[in-house]
Amino acid sequence: MYSTSGEKFLTEATRLFYAEGISAIGVDRVAAESGVSKPTLYAQFGTKASLVAAILQRRSDTRKRDISAYLDNRPPDTDTSVLALFDRFIKGYA
């Protein structure tokens, strides 16, 4: 969906934002640590807010895929699936 440079920017922004907070990290730092220029941010994401939205959307999509895959490997019984889902949440995500 994004160029290789856009993916690098997204990956580094994700790491920094989760480690230090969105408001604490500027796009200059993301650009410097990712080795990708600020124009790439604007070309790929438009704004910092859109970058944050892309990070959150990716995380949501990943979680939905993980949950679906986990439940697909469970018996089709609804009660068992619900309990299995709680077990998955208790174990946490990597």
C-alpha atoms as a PDB file:
ATOM      1  CA  MET A   1       0.000   0.000   0.000  1.00  0.00           C
ATOM      2  CA  TYR A   2       2.869   2.365   0.758  1.00  0.00           C
ATOM      3  CA  SER A   3       6.217   2.693  -0.962  1.00  0.00           C
ATOM      4  CA  THR A   4       9.286   1.116   0.619  1.00  0.00           C
ATOM      5  CA  SER A   5      10.210   4.523   2.055  1.00  0.00           C
ATOM      6  CA  GLY A   6       6.661   5.019   3.319  1.00  0.00           C
ATOM      7  CA  GLU A   7       6.805   1.637   5.055  1.00  0.00           C
ATOM      8  CA  LYS A   8      10.120   2.559   6.699  1.00  0.00           C
ATOM      9  CA  PHE A   9       8.626   5.837   7.883  1.00  0.00           C
ATOM     10  CA  LEU A  10       5.508   4.056   9.185  1.00  0.00           C
ATOM     11  CA  THR A  11       7.538   1.396  10.991  1.00  0.00           C
ATOM     12  CA  GLU A  12       9.833   3.902  12.674  1.00  0.00           C
ATOM     13  CA  ALA A  13       6.949   6.222  13.597  1.00  0.00           C
ATOM     14  CA  THR A  14       5.116   3.279  15.158  1.00  0.00           C
ATOM     15  CA  ARG A  15       8.127   2.359  17.263  1.00  0.00           C
ATOM     16  CA  LEU A  16       8.751   5.915  18.408  1.00  0.00           C
ATOM     17  CA  PHE A  17       5.120   6.831  19.071  1.00  0.00           C
ATOM     18  CA  TYR A  18       4.500   3.736  21.188  1.00  0.00           C
ATOM     19  CA  ALA A  19       7.793   4.140  23.061  1.00  0.00           C
ATOM     20  CA  GLU A  20       7.664   7.867  23.768  1.00  0.00           C
ATOM     21  CA  GLY A  21       4.206   9.158  22.890  1.00  0.00           C
ATOM     22  CA  ILE A  22       2.725  10.777  19.825  1.00  0.00           C
ATOM     23  CA  SER A  23       2.982  14.349  21.046  1.00  0.00           C
ATOM     24  CA  ALA A  24       6.597  13.865  22.175  1.00  0.00           C
ATOM     25  CA  ILE A  25       7.808  12.851  18.709  1.00  0.00           C
ATOM     26  CA  GLY A  26       7.984  15.203  15.769  1.00  0.00           C
ATOM     27  CA  VAL A  27       8.145  14.238  12.135  1.00  0.00           C
ATOM     28  CA  ASP A  28      11.709  15.592  11.995  1.00  0.00           C
ATOM     29  CA  ARG A  29      12.801  12.900  14.438  1.00  0.00           C
ATOM     30  CA  VAL A  30      10.917  10.156  12.612  1.00  0.00           C
ATOM     31  CA  ALA A  31      12.536  11.286   9.379  1.00  0.00           C
ATOM     32  CA  ALA A  32      15.990  11.348  10.948  1.00  0.00           C
ATOM     33  CA  GLU A  33      15.705   7.934  12.606  1.00  0.00           C
ATOM     34  CA  SER A  34      14.068   6.235   9.629  1.00  0.00           C
ATOM     35  CA  GLY A  35      16.478   7.733   7.116  1.00  0.00           C
ATOM     36  CA  VAL A  36      13.496   8.885   5.068  1.00  0.00           C
ATOM     37  CA  SER A  37      12.841  12.497   4.107  1.00  0.00           C
ATOM     38  CA  LYS A  38       9.954  14.583   5.406  1.00  0.00           C
ATOM     39  CA  PRO A  39       8.597  15.020   1.868  1.00  0.00           C
ATOM     40  CA  THR A  40       7.992  11.252   1.916  1.00  0.00           C
ATOM     41  CA  LEU A  41       5.761  11.715   4.952  1.00  0.00           C
ATOM     42  CA  TYR A  42       3.730  14.336   3.168  1.00  0.00           C
ATOM     43  CA  ALA A  43       3.633  12.376  -0.095  1.00  0.00           C
ATOM     44  CA  GLN A  44       2.577   9.126   1.588  1.00  0.00           C
ATOM     45  CA  PHE A  45       0.480  10.306   4.545  1.00  0.00           C
ATOM     46  CA  GLY A  46      -0.264  14.011   4.105  1.00  0.00           C
ATOM     47  CA  THR A  47       0.028  15.040   7.749  1.00  0.00           C
ATOM     48  CA  LYS A  48       1.258  13.719  11.078  1.00  0.00           C
ATOM     49  CA  ALA A  49      -2.375  13.108  12.042  1.00  0.00           C
ATOM     50  CA  SER A  50      -2.841  10.966   8.936  1.00  0.00           C
ATOM     51  CA  LEU A  51       0.347   9.084   9.816  1.00  0.00           C
ATOM     52  CA  VAL A  52      -1.060   8.361  13.287  1.00  0.00           C
ATOM     53  CA  ALA A  53      -4.340   7.236  11.702  1.00  0.00           C
ATOM     54  CA  ALA A  54      -2.410   4.869   9.390  1.00  0.00           C
ATOM     55  CA  ILE A  55      -0.550   3.406  12.373  1.00  0.00           C
ATOM     56  CA  LEU A  56      -3.768   2.841  14.294  1.00  0.00           C
ATOM     57  CA  GLN A  57      -5.529   1.378  11.253  1.00  0.00           C
ATOM     58  CA  ARG A  58      -2.662  -1.044  10.656  1.00  0.00           C
ATOM     59  CA  ARG A  59      -2.704  -2.109  14.299  1.00  0.00           C
ATOM     60  CA  SER A  60      -6.470  -2.622  14.172  1.00  0.00           C
ATOM     61  CA  ASP A  61      -6.249  -4.645  10.944  1.00  0.00           C
ATOM     62  CA  THR A  62      -3.482  -6.805  12.414  1.00  0.00           C
ATOM     63  CA  ARG A  63      -5.457  -7.469  15.590  1.00  0.00           C
ATOM     64  CA  LYS A  64      -8.585  -8.377  13.617  1.00  0.00           C
ATOM     65  CA  ARG A  65      -6.597 -10.816  11.469  1.00  0.00           C
ATOM     66  CA  ASP A  66      -4.977 -12.356  14.562  1.00  0.00           C
ATOM     67  CA  ILE A  67      -8.308 -12.773  16.331  1.00  0.00           C
ATOM     68  CA  SER A  68      -9.948 -14.284  13.251  1.00  0.00           C
ATOM     69  CA  ALA A  69      -7.067 -16.704  12.732  1.00  0.00           C
ATOM     70  CA  TYR A  70      -7.161 -17.686  16.396  1.00  0.00           C
ATOM     71  CA  LEU A  71     -10.904 -18.317  16.332  1.00  0.00           C
ATOM     72  CA  ASP A  72     -10.712 -20.175  13.010  1.00  0.00           C
ATOM     73  CA  ASN A  73      -8.577 -22.796  14.761  1.00  0.00           C
ATOM     74  CA  ARG A  74     -11.167 -23.295  17.509  1.00  0.00           C
ATOM     75  CA  PRO A  75     -14.216 -25.560  17.569  1.00  0.00           C
ATOM     76  CA  PRO A  76     -17.281 -23.841  16.072  1.00  0.00           C
ATOM     77  CA  ASP A  77     -19.143 -23.820  19.422  1.00  0.00           C
ATOM     78  CA  THR A  78     -19.976 -20.187  20.273  1.00  0.00           C
ATOM     79  CA  ASP A  79     -19.436 -20.522  24.030  1.00  0.00           C
ATOM     80  CA  THR A  80     -16.049 -22.153  23.502  1.00  0.00           C
ATOM     81  CA  SER A  81     -15.057 -19.478  20.994  1.00  0.00           C
ATOM     82  CA  VAL A  82     -15.942 -16.665  23.379  1.00  0.00           C
ATOM     83  CA  LEU A  83     -13.984 -18.253  26.221  1.00  0.00           C
ATOM     84  CA  ALA A  84     -11.067 -18.927  23.880  1.00  0.00           C
ATOM     85  CA  LEU A  85     -11.087 -15.281  22.884  1.00  0.00           C
ATOM     86  CA  PHE A  86     -10.792 -14.231  26.519  1.00  0.00           C
ATOM     87  CA  ASP A  87      -7.918 -16.701  26.930  1.00  0.00           C
ATOM     88  CA  ARG A  88      -6.207 -15.047  23.952  1.00  0.00           C
ATOM     89  CA  PHE A  89      -6.631 -11.583  25.465  1.00  0.00           C
ATOM     90  CA  ILE A  90      -5.259 -12.759  28.812  1.00  0.00           C
ATOM     91  CA  LYS A  91      -2.171 -14.199  27.098  1.00  0.00           C
ATOM     92  CA  GLY A  92      -1.688 -10.848  25.373  1.00  0.00           C
ATOM     93  CA  TYR A  93      -0.281  -9.861  22.043  1.00  0.00           C
ATOM     94  CA  ALA A  94       3.288  -9.828  20.908  1.00  0.00           C
END
